């Protein structure tokens, strides 16, 4: 199976979000427009299972780099989500 790049073809844009949006459990969870506690726990369980599977395979240097990568990616996702929410917010005040 060919390796899926984490970046676009120009190596300037992160593609992980695009791949996440194609995950069946993710698509099913957001289908109703909300995420409930059970869906969140199920996603965390999938993440924990993958971490347990792959974490022992890395040497210390690779583990440190991947830890930094995952933290930066998590921060980027939160920032991107907040930015999108703020951009979508109405710019005029309601006057009723």
PDB file of N, CA and C in Angstrom:
ATOM      1  N   UNK A   1       0.847  -1.182   0.000  1.00  0.00           N
ATOM      2  CA  UNK A   1       0.000   0.000   0.000  1.00  0.00           C
ATOM      3  C   UNK A   1       0.893   1.246   0.000  1.00  0.00           C
ATOM      4  N   UNK A   2       0.670   2.175  -0.939  1.00  0.00           N
ATOM      5  CA  UNK A   2       1.514   3.368  -0.985  1.00  0.00           C
ATOM      6  C   UNK A   2       1.283   4.263   0.229  1.00  0.00           C
ATOM      7  N   UNK A   3       2.327   4.943   0.618  1.00  0.00           N
ATOM      8  CA  UNK A   3       2.261   5.851   1.757  1.00  0.00           C
ATOM      9  C   UNK A   3       1.441   7.083   1.386  1.00  0.00           C
ATOM     10  N   UNK A   4       0.548   7.499   2.267  1.00  0.00           N
ATOM     11  CA  UNK A   4      -0.258   8.699   2.067  1.00  0.00           C
ATOM     12  C   UNK A   4       0.496   9.881   2.654  1.00  0.00           C
ATOM     13  N   UNK A   5       0.729  10.907   1.838  1.00  0.00           N
ATOM     14  CA  UNK A   5       1.473  12.075   2.307  1.00  0.00           C
ATOM     15  C   UNK A   5       0.653  12.862   3.324  1.00  0.00           C
ATOM     16  N   UNK A   6       1.321  13.398   4.302  1.00  0.00           N
ATOM     17  CA  UNK A   6       0.665  14.233   5.307  1.00  0.00           C
ATOM     18  C   UNK A   6       0.515  15.677   4.827  1.00  0.00           C
ATOM     19  N   UNK A   7       1.206  16.007   3.730  1.00  0.00           N
ATOM     20  CA  UNK A   7       1.175  17.358   3.176  1.00  0.00           C
ATOM     21  C   UNK A   7       0.651  17.330   1.750  1.00  0.00           C
ATOM     22  N   UNK A   8       0.208  18.496   1.254  1.00  0.00           N
ATOM     23  CA  UNK A   8      -0.236  18.569  -0.137  1.00  0.00           C
ATOM     24  C   UNK A   8       0.966  18.428  -1.069  1.00  0.00           C
ATOM     25  N   UNK A   9       0.689  18.416  -2.375  1.00  0.00           N
ATOM     26  CA  UNK A   9       1.761  18.186  -3.345  1.00  0.00           C
ATOM     27  C   UNK A   9       2.827  19.276  -3.333  1.00  0.00           C
ATOM     28  N   UNK A  10       2.488  20.484  -2.866  1.00  0.00           N
ATOM     29  CA  UNK A  10       3.467  21.568  -2.767  1.00  0.00           C
ATOM     30  C   UNK A  10       4.201  21.575  -1.434  1.00  0.00           C
ATOM     31  N   UNK A  11       3.830  20.641  -0.548  1.00  0.00           N
ATOM     32  CA  UNK A  11       4.451  20.520   0.770  1.00  0.00           C
ATOM     33  C   UNK A  11       4.233  21.760   1.639  1.00  0.00           C
ATOM     34  N   UNK A  12       3.089  22.431   1.433  1.00  0.00           N
ATOM     35  CA  UNK A  12       2.800  23.652   2.185  1.00  0.00           C
ATOM     36  C   UNK A  12       1.552  23.572   3.054  1.00  0.00           C
ATOM     37  N   UNK A  13       0.693  22.598   2.804  1.00  0.00           N
ATOM     38  CA  UNK A  13      -0.584  22.518   3.501  1.00  0.00           C
ATOM     39  C   UNK A  13      -0.761  21.132   4.116  1.00  0.00           C
ATOM     40  N   UNK A  14      -1.171  21.118   5.378  1.00  0.00           N
ATOM     41  CA  UNK A  14      -1.404  19.857   6.083  1.00  0.00           C
ATOM     42  C   UNK A  14      -2.671  19.203   5.529  1.00  0.00           C
ATOM     43  N   UNK A  15      -2.594  17.902   5.231  1.00  0.00           N
ATOM     44  CA  UNK A  15      -3.717  17.163   4.651  1.00  0.00           C
ATOM     45  C   UNK A  15      -4.420  16.252   5.657  1.00  0.00           C
ATOM     46  N   UNK A  16      -3.949  16.194   6.880  1.00  0.00           N
ATOM     47  CA  UNK A  16      -4.508  15.276   7.870  1.00  0.00           C
ATOM     48  C   UNK A  16      -6.008  15.512   8.063  1.00  0.00           C
ATOM     49  N   UNK A  17      -6.435  16.778   8.133  1.00  0.00           N
ATOM     50  CA  UNK A  17      -7.865  17.070   8.293  1.00  0.00           C
ATOM     51  C   UNK A  17      -8.686  16.489   7.149  1.00  0.00           C
ATOM     52  N   UNK A  18      -8.159  16.583   5.938  1.00  0.00           N
ATOM     53  CA  UNK A  18      -8.876  16.021   4.788  1.00  0.00           C
ATOM     54  C   UNK A  18      -9.076  14.521   4.956  1.00  0.00           C
ATOM     55  N   UNK A  19      -8.050  13.847   5.431  1.00  0.00           N
ATOM     56  CA  UNK A  19      -8.149  12.400   5.638  1.00  0.00           C
ATOM     57  C   UNK A  19      -9.106  12.082   6.784  1.00  0.00           C
ATOM     58  N   UNK A  20      -9.053  12.888   7.845  1.00  0.00           N
ATOM     59  CA  UNK A  20      -9.940  12.664   8.994  1.00  0.00           C
ATOM     60  C   UNK A  20     -11.401  12.783   8.579  1.00  0.00           C
ATOM     61  N   UNK A  21     -11.681  13.705   7.670  1.00  0.00           N
ATOM     62  CA  UNK A  21     -13.058  13.916   7.234  1.00  0.00           C
ATOM     63  C   UNK A  21     -13.586  12.759   6.394  1.00  0.00           C
ATOM     64  N   UNK A  22     -12.715  11.835   6.029  1.00  0.00           N
ATOM     65  CA  UNK A  22     -13.123  10.659   5.267  1.00  0.00           C
ATOM     66  C   UNK A  22     -13.280   9.420   6.150  1.00  0.00           C
ATOM     67  N   UNK A  23     -12.922   9.533   7.429  1.00  0.00           N
ATOM     68  CA  UNK A  23     -13.041   8.399   8.348  1.00  0.00           C
ATOM     69  C   UNK A  23     -14.510   8.099   8.625  1.00  0.00           C
ATOM     70  N   UNK A  24     -14.902   6.857   8.458  1.00  0.00           N
ATOM     71  CA  UNK A  24     -16.285   6.455   8.689  1.00  0.00           C
ATOM     72  C   UNK A  24     -16.822   6.866  10.044  1.00  0.00           C
ATOM     73  N   UNK A  25     -16.116   6.552  11.144  1.00  0.00           N
ATOM     74  CA  UNK A  25     -16.627   6.937  12.465  1.00  0.00           C
ATOM     75  C   UNK A  25     -16.797   8.451  12.617  1.00  0.00           C
ATOM     76  N   UNK A  26     -15.898   9.223  12.020  1.00  0.00           N
ATOM     77  CA  UNK A  26     -16.003  10.684  12.081  1.00  0.00           C
ATOM     78  C   UNK A  26     -17.230  11.156  11.306  1.00  0.00           C
ATOM     79  N   UNK A  27     -17.386  10.657  10.090  1.00  0.00           N
ATOM     80  CA  UNK A  27     -18.526  11.036   9.253  1.00  0.00           C
ATOM     81  C   UNK A  27     -19.837  10.684   9.951  1.00  0.00           C
ATOM     82  N   UNK A  28     -19.902   9.491  10.526  1.00  0.00           N
ATOM     83  CA  UNK A  28     -21.115   9.073  11.240  1.00  0.00           C
ATOM     84  C   UNK A  28     -21.378   9.948  12.458  1.00  0.00           C
ATOM     85  N   UNK A  29     -20.315  10.313  13.180  1.00  0.00           N
ATOM     86  CA  UNK A  29     -20.479  11.103  14.401  1.00  0.00           C
ATOM     87  C   UNK A  29     -20.999  12.503  14.103  1.00  0.00           C
ATOM     88  N   UNK A  30     -20.541  13.115  13.024  1.00  0.00           N
ATOM     89  CA  UNK A  30     -20.966  14.488  12.745  1.00  0.00           C
ATOM     90  C   UNK A  30     -22.211  14.570  11.868  1.00  0.00           C
ATOM     91  N   UNK A  31     -22.729  13.439  11.446  1.00  0.00           N
ATOM     92  CA  UNK A  31     -23.881  13.429  10.535  1.00  0.00           C
ATOM     93  C   UNK A  31     -25.075  14.197  11.087  1.00  0.00           C
ATOM     94  N   UNK A  32     -25.274  14.156  12.396  1.00  0.00           N
ATOM     95  CA  UNK A  32     -26.423  14.854  12.986  1.00  0.00           C
ATOM     96  C   UNK A  32     -26.078  16.272  13.445  1.00  0.00           C
ATOM     97  N   UNK A  33     -24.854  16.715  13.171  1.00  0.00           N
ATOM     98  CA  UNK A  33     -24.466  18.079  13.508  1.00  0.00           C
ATOM     99  C   UNK A  33     -24.058  18.298  14.946  1.00  0.00           C
ATOM    100  N   UNK A  34     -23.919  17.225  15.700  1.00  0.00           N
ATOM    101  CA  UNK A  34     -23.471  17.359  17.093  1.00  0.00           C
ATOM    102  C   UNK A  34     -22.640  16.141  17.463  1.00  0.00           C
ATOM    103  N   UNK A  35     -21.825  16.294  18.483  1.00  0.00           N
ATOM    104  CA  UNK A  35     -21.006  15.194  18.993  1.00  0.00           C
ATOM    105  C   UNK A  35     -21.442  14.947  20.427  1.00  0.00           C
ATOM    106  N   UNK A  36     -21.920  13.735  20.714  1.00  0.00           N
ATOM    107  CA  UNK A  36     -22.328  13.430  22.085  1.00  0.00           C
ATOM    108  C   UNK A  36     -21.169  12.770  22.836  1.00  0.00           C
ATOM    109  N   UNK A  37     -21.357  12.594  24.133  1.00  0.00           N
ATOM    110  CA  UNK A  37     -20.294  12.061  24.991  1.00  0.00           C
ATOM    111  C   UNK A  37     -19.860  10.663  24.557  1.00  0.00           C
ATOM    112  N   UNK A  38     -20.793   9.843  24.123  1.00  0.00           N
ATOM    113  CA  UNK A  38     -20.452   8.482  23.693  1.00  0.00           C
ATOM    114  C   UNK A  38     -19.575   8.505  22.441  1.00  0.00           C
ATOM    115  N   UNK A  39     -19.898   9.377  21.495  1.00  0.00           N
ATOM    116  CA  UNK A  39     -19.091   9.491  20.279  1.00  0.00           C
ATOM    117  C   UNK A  39     -17.684   9.976  20.609  1.00  0.00           C
ATOM    118  N   UNK A  40     -17.592  10.907  21.538  1.00  0.00           N
ATOM    119  CA  UNK A  40     -16.288  11.412  21.959  1.00  0.00           C
ATOM    120  C   UNK A  40     -15.470  10.318  22.642  1.00  0.00           C
ATOM    121  N   UNK A  41     -16.109   9.537  23.513  1.00  0.00           N
ATOM    122  CA  UNK A  41     -15.410   8.423  24.178  1.00  0.00           C
ATOM    123  C   UNK A  41     -14.963   7.376  23.165  1.00  0.00           C
ATOM    124  N   UNK A  42     -15.795   7.101  22.177  1.00  0.00           N
ATOM    125  CA  UNK A  42     -15.439   6.111  21.150  1.00  0.00           C
ATOM    126  C   UNK A  42     -14.236   6.581  20.336  1.00  0.00           C
ATOM    127  N   UNK A  43     -14.205   7.876  20.016  1.00  0.00           N
ATOM    128  CA  UNK A  43     -13.058   8.409  19.266  1.00  0.00           C
ATOM    129  C   UNK A  43     -11.794   8.337  20.115  1.00  0.00           C
ATOM    130  N   UNK A  44     -11.912   8.692  21.386  1.00  0.00           N
ATOM    131  CA  UNK A  44     -10.749   8.606  22.269  1.00  0.00           C
ATOM    132  C   UNK A  44     -10.261   7.168  22.367  1.00  0.00           C
ATOM    133  N   UNK A  45     -11.166   6.216  22.446  1.00  0.00           N
ATOM    134  CA  UNK A  45     -10.782   4.802  22.525  1.00  0.00           C
ATOM    135  C   UNK A  45     -10.018   4.373  21.275  1.00  0.00           C
ATOM    136  N   UNK A  46     -10.442   4.856  20.098  1.00  0.00           N
ATOM    137  CA  UNK A  46      -9.709   4.529  18.870  1.00  0.00           C
ATOM    138  C   UNK A  46      -8.305   5.116  18.904  1.00  0.00           C
ATOM    139  N   UNK A  47      -8.192   6.346  19.398  1.00  0.00           N
ATOM    140  CA  UNK A  47      -6.879   6.990  19.499  1.00  0.00           C
ATOM    141  C   UNK A  47      -5.991   6.230  20.482  1.00  0.00           C
ATOM    142  N   UNK A  48      -6.521   5.892  21.640  1.00  0.00           N
ATOM    143  CA  UNK A  48      -5.750   5.153  22.650  1.00  0.00           C
ATOM    144  C   UNK A  48      -5.280   3.812  22.096  1.00  0.00           C
ATOM    145  N   UNK A  49      -6.148   3.105  21.394  1.00  0.00           N
ATOM    146  CA  UNK A  49      -5.771   1.805  20.819  1.00  0.00           C
ATOM    147  C   UNK A  49      -4.632   1.960  19.815  1.00  0.00           C
ATOM    148  N   UNK A  50      -4.705   2.984  18.971  1.00  0.00           N
ATOM    149  CA  UNK A  50      -3.632   3.208  17.999  1.00  0.00           C
ATOM    150  C   UNK A  50      -2.330   3.607  18.678  1.00  0.00           C
ATOM    151  N   UNK A  51      -2.424   4.438  19.699  1.00  0.00           N
ATOM    152  CA  UNK A  51      -1.216   4.823  20.441  1.00  0.00           C
ATOM    153  C   UNK A  51      -0.564   3.591  21.056  1.00  0.00           C
ATOM    154  N   UNK A  52      -1.365   2.747  21.684  1.00  0.00           N
ATOM    155  CA  UNK A  52      -0.815   1.529  22.295  1.00  0.00           C
ATOM    156  C   UNK A  52      -0.173   0.622  21.257  1.00  0.00           C
ATOM    157  N   UNK A  53      -0.713   0.621  20.046  1.00  0.00           N
ATOM    158  CA  UNK A  53      -0.169  -0.220  18.979  1.00  0.00           C
ATOM    159  C   UNK A  53       1.152   0.322  18.430  1.00  0.00           C
ATOM    160  N   UNK A  54       1.230   1.635  18.218  1.00  0.00           N
ATOM    161  CA  UNK A  54       2.405   2.175  17.523  1.00  0.00           C
ATOM    162  C   UNK A  54       3.479   2.764  18.431  1.00  0.00           C
ATOM    163  N   UNK A  55       3.115   3.281  19.587  1.00  0.00           N
ATOM    164  CA  UNK A  55       4.097   3.963  20.438  1.00  0.00           C
ATOM    165  C   UNK A  55       5.306   3.099  20.785  1.00  0.00           C
ATOM    166  N   UNK A  56       5.133   1.830  21.121  1.00  0.00           N
ATOM    167  CA  UNK A  56       6.300   1.012  21.472  1.00  0.00           C
ATOM    168  C   UNK A  56       7.265   0.762  20.306  1.00  0.00           C
ATOM    169  N   UNK A  57       6.845   1.043  19.094  1.00  0.00           N
ATOM    170  CA  UNK A  57       7.679   0.762  17.923  1.00  0.00           C
ATOM    171  C   UNK A  57       8.725   1.839  17.649  1.00  0.00           C
ATOM    172  N   UNK A  58       8.641   2.969  18.340  1.00  0.00           N
ATOM    173  CA  UNK A  58       9.534   4.090  18.055  1.00  0.00           C
ATOM    174  C   UNK A  58      10.710   4.138  19.019  1.00  0.00           C
ATOM    175  N   UNK A  59      11.875   4.493  18.476  1.00  0.00           N
ATOM    176  CA  UNK A  59      13.009   4.757  19.358  1.00  0.00           C
ATOM    177  C   UNK A  59      12.757   6.103  20.050  1.00  0.00           C
ATOM    178  N   UNK A  60      13.586   6.437  21.038  1.00  0.00           N
ATOM    179  CA  UNK A  60      13.343   7.638  21.843  1.00  0.00           C
ATOM    180  C   UNK A  60      13.332   8.921  21.016  1.00  0.00           C
ATOM    181  N   UNK A  61      14.259   9.047  20.073  1.00  0.00           N
ATOM    182  CA  UNK A  61      14.335  10.267  19.261  1.00  0.00           C
ATOM    183  C   UNK A  61      13.095  10.415  18.379  1.00  0.00           C
ATOM    184  N   UNK A  62      12.679   9.327  17.742  1.00  0.00           N
ATOM    185  CA  UNK A  62      11.487   9.369  16.899  1.00  0.00           C
ATOM    186  C   UNK A  62      10.250   9.633  17.748  1.00  0.00           C
ATOM    187  N   UNK A  63      10.185   9.014  18.915  1.00  0.00           N
ATOM    188  CA  UNK A  63       9.061   9.236  19.825  1.00  0.00           C
ATOM    189  C   UNK A  63       8.970  10.711  20.213  1.00  0.00           C
ATOM    190  N   UNK A  64      10.097  11.326  20.521  1.00  0.00           N
ATOM    191  CA  UNK A  64      10.107  12.739  20.898  1.00  0.00           C
ATOM    192  C   UNK A  64       9.620  13.614  19.743  1.00  0.00           C
ATOM    193  N   UNK A  65      10.083  13.334  18.533  1.00  0.00           N
ATOM    194  CA  UNK A  65       9.659  14.109  17.359  1.00  0.00           C
ATOM    195  C   UNK A  65       8.163  13.925  17.091  1.00  0.00           C
ATOM    196  N   UNK A  66       7.687  12.687  17.185  1.00  0.00           N
ATOM    197  CA  UNK A  66       6.263  12.432  16.955  1.00  0.00           C
ATOM    198  C   UNK A  66       5.395  13.061  18.042  1.00  0.00           C
ATOM    199  N   UNK A  67       5.886  13.083  19.274  1.00  0.00           N
ATOM    200  CA  UNK A  67       5.155  13.751  20.351  1.00  0.00           C
ATOM    201  C   UNK A  67       5.008  15.232  20.029  1.00  0.00           C
ATOM    202  N   UNK A  68       6.097  15.857  19.588  1.00  0.00           N
ATOM    203  CA  UNK A  68       6.038  17.270  19.194  1.00  0.00           C
ATOM    204  C   UNK A  68       5.081  17.472  18.025  1.00  0.00           C
ATOM    205  N   UNK A  69       5.166  16.588  17.032  1.00  0.00           N
ATOM    206  CA  UNK A  69       4.281  16.677  15.872  1.00  0.00           C
ATOM    207  C   UNK A  69       2.816  16.582  16.287  1.00  0.00           C
ATOM    208  N   UNK A  70       2.487  15.610  17.118  1.00  0.00           N
ATOM    209  CA  UNK A  70       1.097  15.431  17.542  1.00  0.00           C
ATOM    210  C   UNK A  70       0.596  16.626  18.347  1.00  0.00           C
ATOM    211  N   UNK A  71       1.454  17.180  19.201  1.00  0.00           N
ATOM    212  CA  UNK A  71       1.062  18.361  19.982  1.00  0.00           C
ATOM    213  C   UNK A  71       0.839  19.567  19.074  1.00  0.00           C
ATOM    214  N   UNK A  72       1.749  19.789  18.126  1.00  0.00           N
ATOM    215  CA  UNK A  72       1.596  20.902  17.182  1.00  0.00           C
ATOM    216  C   UNK A  72       0.346  20.719  16.323  1.00  0.00           C
ATOM    217  N   UNK A  73       0.089  19.495  15.884  1.00  0.00           N
ATOM    218  CA  UNK A  73      -1.094  19.217  15.073  1.00  0.00           C
ATOM    219  C   UNK A  73      -2.372  19.452  15.873  1.00  0.00           C
ATOM    220  N   UNK A  74      -2.365  19.042  17.126  1.00  0.00           N
ATOM    221  CA  UNK A  74      -3.524  19.263  17.985  1.00  0.00           C
ATOM    222  C   UNK A  74      -3.770  20.761  18.175  1.00  0.00           C
ATOM    223  N   UNK A  75      -2.708  21.514  18.440  1.00  0.00           N
ATOM    224  CA  UNK A  75      -2.832  22.965  18.600  1.00  0.00           C
ATOM    225  C   UNK A  75      -3.344  23.603  17.306  1.00  0.00           C
ATOM    226  N   UNK A  76      -2.819  23.168  16.165  1.00  0.00           N
ATOM    227  CA  UNK A  76      -3.251  23.682  14.868  1.00  0.00           C
ATOM    228  C   UNK A  76      -4.737  23.418  14.648  1.00  0.00           C
ATOM    229  N   UNK A  77      -5.192  22.213  14.970  1.00  0.00           N
ATOM    230  CA  UNK A  77      -6.607  21.874  14.783  1.00  0.00           C
ATOM    231  C   UNK A  77      -7.515  22.739  15.646  1.00  0.00           C
ATOM    232  N   UNK A  78      -7.119  22.960  16.899  1.00  0.00           N
ATOM    233  CA  UNK A  78      -7.922  23.814  17.783  1.00  0.00           C
ATOM    234  C   UNK A  78      -7.945  25.244  17.244  1.00  0.00           C
ATOM    235  N   UNK A  79      -6.772  25.754  16.854  1.00  0.00           N
ATOM    236  CA  UNK A  79      -6.694  27.115  16.321  1.00  0.00           C
ATOM    237  C   UNK A  79      -7.525  27.258  15.042  1.00  0.00           C
ATOM    238  N   UNK A  80      -7.433  26.274  14.167  1.00  0.00           N
ATOM    239  CA  UNK A  80      -8.178  26.306  12.909  1.00  0.00           C
ATOM    240  C   UNK A  80      -9.689  26.277  13.171  1.00  0.00           C
ATOM    241  N   UNK A  81     -10.114  25.451  14.115  1.00  0.00           N
ATOM    242  CA  UNK A  81     -11.535  25.375  14.464  1.00  0.00           C
ATOM    243  C   UNK A  81     -12.027  26.699  15.035  1.00  0.00           C
ATOM    244  N   UNK A  82     -11.266  27.271  15.971  1.00  0.00           N
ATOM    245  CA  UNK A  82     -11.664  28.555  16.559  1.00  0.00           C
ATOM    246  C   UNK A  82     -11.703  29.651  15.504  1.00  0.00           C
ATOM    247  N   UNK A  83     -10.718  29.666  14.622  1.00  0.00           N
ATOM    248  CA  UNK A  83     -10.690  30.656  13.543  1.00  0.00           C
ATOM    249  C   UNK A  83     -11.933  30.520  12.663  1.00  0.00           C
ATOM    250  N   UNK A  84     -12.269  29.295  12.293  1.00  0.00           N
ATOM    251  CA  UNK A  84     -13.448  29.058  11.451  1.00  0.00           C
ATOM    252  C   UNK A  84     -14.728  29.501  12.152  1.00  0.00           C
ATOM    253  N   UNK A  85     -14.835  29.207  13.439  1.00  0.00           N
ATOM    254  CA  UNK A  85     -16.021  29.618  14.195  1.00  0.00           C
ATOM    255  C   UNK A  85     -16.138  31.137  14.260  1.00  0.00           C
ATOM    256  N   UNK A  86     -15.010  31.806  14.497  1.00  0.00           N
ATOM    257  CA  UNK A  86     -15.033  33.263  14.582  1.00  0.00           C
ATOM    258  C   UNK A  86     -15.317  33.899  13.226  1.00  0.00           C
ATOM    259  N   UNK A  87     -14.794  33.320  12.160  1.00  0.00           N
ATOM    260  CA  UNK A  87     -15.048  33.838  10.815  1.00  0.00           C
ATOM    261  C   UNK A  87     -16.515  33.672  10.423  1.00  0.00           C
ATOM    262  N   UNK A  88     -17.157  32.625  10.908  1.00  0.00           N
ATOM    263  CA  UNK A  88     -18.554  32.354  10.565  1.00  0.00           C
ATOM    264  C   UNK A  88     -19.533  33.158  11.414  1.00  0.00           C
ATOM    265  N   UNK A  89     -19.028  33.764  12.465  1.00  0.00           N
ATOM    266  CA  UNK A  89     -19.878  34.534  13.375  1.00  0.00           C
ATOM    267  C   UNK A  89     -20.432  35.768  12.662  1.00  0.00           C
ATOM    268  N   UNK A  90     -21.698  36.086  12.889  1.00  0.00           N
ATOM    269  CA  UNK A  90     -22.268  37.292  12.267  1.00  0.00           C
ATOM    270  C   UNK A  90     -21.505  38.539  12.701  1.00  0.00           C
ATOM    271  N   UNK A  91     -21.342  39.463  11.779  1.00  0.00           N
ATOM    272  CA  UNK A  91     -20.592  40.683  12.093  1.00  0.00           C
ATOM    273  C   UNK A  91     -21.500  41.822  12.533  1.00  0.00           C
ATOM    274  N   UNK A  92     -22.790  41.668  12.378  1.00  0.00           N
ATOM    275  CA  UNK A  92     -23.720  42.709  12.814  1.00  0.00           C
ATOM    276  C   UNK A  92     -24.458  42.251  14.063  1.00  0.00           C
ATOM    277  N   UNK A  93     -24.799  43.201  14.877  1.00  0.00           N
ATOM    278  CA  UNK A  93     -25.521  42.899  16.110  1.00  0.00           C
ATOM    279  C   UNK A  93     -27.013  42.796  15.817  1.00  0.00           C
ATOM    280  N   UNK A  94     -27.665  41.895  16.511  1.00  0.00           N
ATOM    281  CA  UNK A  94     -29.116  41.731  16.373  1.00  0.00           C
ATOM    282  C   UNK A  94     -29.814  42.906  17.040  1.00  0.00           C
ATOM    283  N   UNK A  95     -30.745  43.477  16.326  1.00  0.00           N
ATOM    284  CA  UNK A  95     -31.542  44.575  16.901  1.00  0.00           C
ATOM    285  C   UNK A  95     -33.006  44.210  16.757  1.00  0.00           C
ATOM    286  N   UNK A  96     -33.578  43.758  17.847  1.00  0.00           N
ATOM    287  CA  UNK A  96     -34.947  43.263  17.790  1.00  0.00           C
ATOM    288  C   UNK A  96     -35.972  44.129  18.332  1.00  0.00           C
TER     289      UNK A  96
END
